[in-house]
C-alpha atoms as a PDB file:
ATOM      1  CA  UNK A   1     102.822  65.606 136.946  1.00  0.00           C
ATOM      2  CA  UNK A   2      99.924  64.584 134.717  1.00  0.00           C
ATOM      3  CA  UNK A   3      96.731  62.941 135.944  1.00  0.00           C
ATOM      4  CA  UNK A   4      97.696  59.634 134.351  1.00  0.00           C
ATOM      5  CA  UNK A   5     101.085  59.698 136.103  1.00  0.00           C
ATOM      6  CA  UNK A   6      99.402  60.428 139.420  1.00  0.00           C
ATOM      7  CA  UNK A   7      96.894  57.610 138.917  1.00  0.00           C
ATOM      8  CA  UNK A   8      99.700  55.245 137.963  1.00  0.00           C
ATOM      9  CA  UNK A   9     101.644  56.101 141.127  1.00  0.00           C
ATOM     10  CA  UNK A  10      98.549  55.650 143.289  1.00  0.00           C
ATOM     11  CA  UNK A  11      97.820  52.261 141.689  1.00  0.00           C
ATOM     12  CA  UNK A  12     101.406  51.171 142.222  1.00  0.00           C
ATOM     13  CA  UNK A  13     101.329  52.239 145.860  1.00  0.00           C
ATOM     14  CA  UNK A  14      98.030  50.436 146.513  1.00  0.00           C
ATOM     15  CA  UNK A  15      99.287  47.258 144.848  1.00  0.00           C
ATOM     16  CA  UNK A  16     102.524  47.284 146.869  1.00  0.00           C
ATOM     17  CA  UNK A  17     100.571  47.950 150.048  1.00  0.00           C
ATOM     18  CA  UNK A  18      98.233  45.058 149.229  1.00  0.00           C
ATOM     19  CA  UNK A  19     101.210  42.712 148.939  1.00  0.00           C
ATOM     20  CA  UNK A  20     102.440  43.804 152.368  1.00  0.00           C
ATOM     21  CA  UNK A  21      98.965  43.437 153.876  1.00  0.00           C
ATOM     22  CA  UNK A  22      98.480  39.969 152.386  1.00  0.00           C
ATOM     23  CA  UNK A  23     101.825  38.848 153.800  1.00  0.00           C
ATOM     24  CA  UNK A  24     100.889  40.281 157.194  1.00  0.00           C
ATOM     25  CA  UNK A  25      97.552  38.450 157.146  1.00  0.00           C
ATOM     26  CA  UNK A  26      99.346  35.184 156.404  1.00  0.00           C
ATOM     27  CA  UNK A  27     101.892  35.741 159.178  1.00  0.00           C
ATOM     28  CA  UNK A  28      99.303  36.797 161.748  1.00  0.00           C
ATOM     29  CA  UNK A  29      97.114  33.817 160.947  1.00  0.00           C
ATOM     30  CA  UNK A  30     100.013  31.633 162.047  1.00  0.00           C
ATOM     31  CA  UNK A  31      99.830  33.306 165.451  1.00  0.00           C
ATOM     32  CA  UNK A  32      96.002  33.290 165.475  1.00  0.00           C
ATOM     33  CA  UNK A  33      95.756  37.056 166.007  1.00  0.00           C
ATOM     34  CA  UNK A  34      92.242  37.545 164.688  1.00  0.00           C
ATOM     35  CA  UNK A  35      91.941  41.206 165.728  1.00  0.00           C
ATOM     36  CA  UNK A  36      94.918  42.182 163.573  1.00  0.00           C
ATOM     37  CA  UNK A  37      93.635  40.034 160.730  1.00  0.00           C
ATOM     38  CA  UNK A  38      90.296  41.857 160.777  1.00  0.00           C
ATOM     39  CA  UNK A  39      92.072  45.203 160.494  1.00  0.00           C
ATOM     40  CA  UNK A  40      94.371  43.977 157.723  1.00  0.00           C
ATOM     41  CA  UNK A  41      91.450  42.465 155.799  1.00  0.00           C
ATOM     42  CA  UNK A  42      89.478  45.707 156.070  1.00  0.00           C
ATOM     43  CA  UNK A  43      92.517  47.670 154.868  1.00  0.00           C
ATOM     44  CA  UNK A  44      92.953  45.240 151.966  1.00  0.00           C
ATOM     45  CA  UNK A  45      89.271  45.547 151.052  1.00  0.00           C
ATOM     46  CA  UNK A  46      89.557  49.339 151.113  1.00  0.00           C
ATOM     47  CA  UNK A  47      92.635  49.292 148.879  1.00  0.00           C
ATOM     48  CA  UNK A  48      90.962  46.926 146.421  1.00  0.00           C
ATOM     49  CA  UNK A  49      87.912  49.199 146.310  1.00  0.00           C
ATOM     50  CA  UNK A  50      90.160  52.184 145.511  1.00  0.00           C
ATOM     51  CA  UNK A  51      91.982  50.177 142.831  1.00  0.00           C
ATOM     52  CA  UNK A  52      88.673  49.199 141.227  1.00  0.00           C
ATOM     53  CA  UNK A  53      87.586  52.843 141.088  1.00  0.00           C
ATOM     54  CA  UNK A  54      90.906  53.877 139.537  1.00  0.00           C
ATOM     55  CA  UNK A  55      90.663  51.113 136.937  1.00  0.00           C
ATOM     56  CA  UNK A  56      87.086  52.067 136.039  1.00  0.00           C
ATOM     57  CA  UNK A  57      87.997  55.744 135.706  1.00  0.00           C
ATOM     58  CA  UNK A  58      91.018  54.997 133.542  1.00  0.00           C
ATOM     59  CA  UNK A  59      88.807  53.042 131.106  1.00  0.00           C
ATOM     60  CA  UNK A  60      86.408  55.965 130.638  1.00  0.00           C
END
């Protein structure tokens, strides 16, 4: 597998995971579970950071 294929798969995984996390945040906010929301938001922030790095590296 080439580097570009690997990067593409990682991006895809992070994007799918972000969708799941965002849905979980929305659902948990209905139940006012702030501790879970904090964890989900941190996970989402981490994934977005990784996606930004991958996007920057793919442009170079």
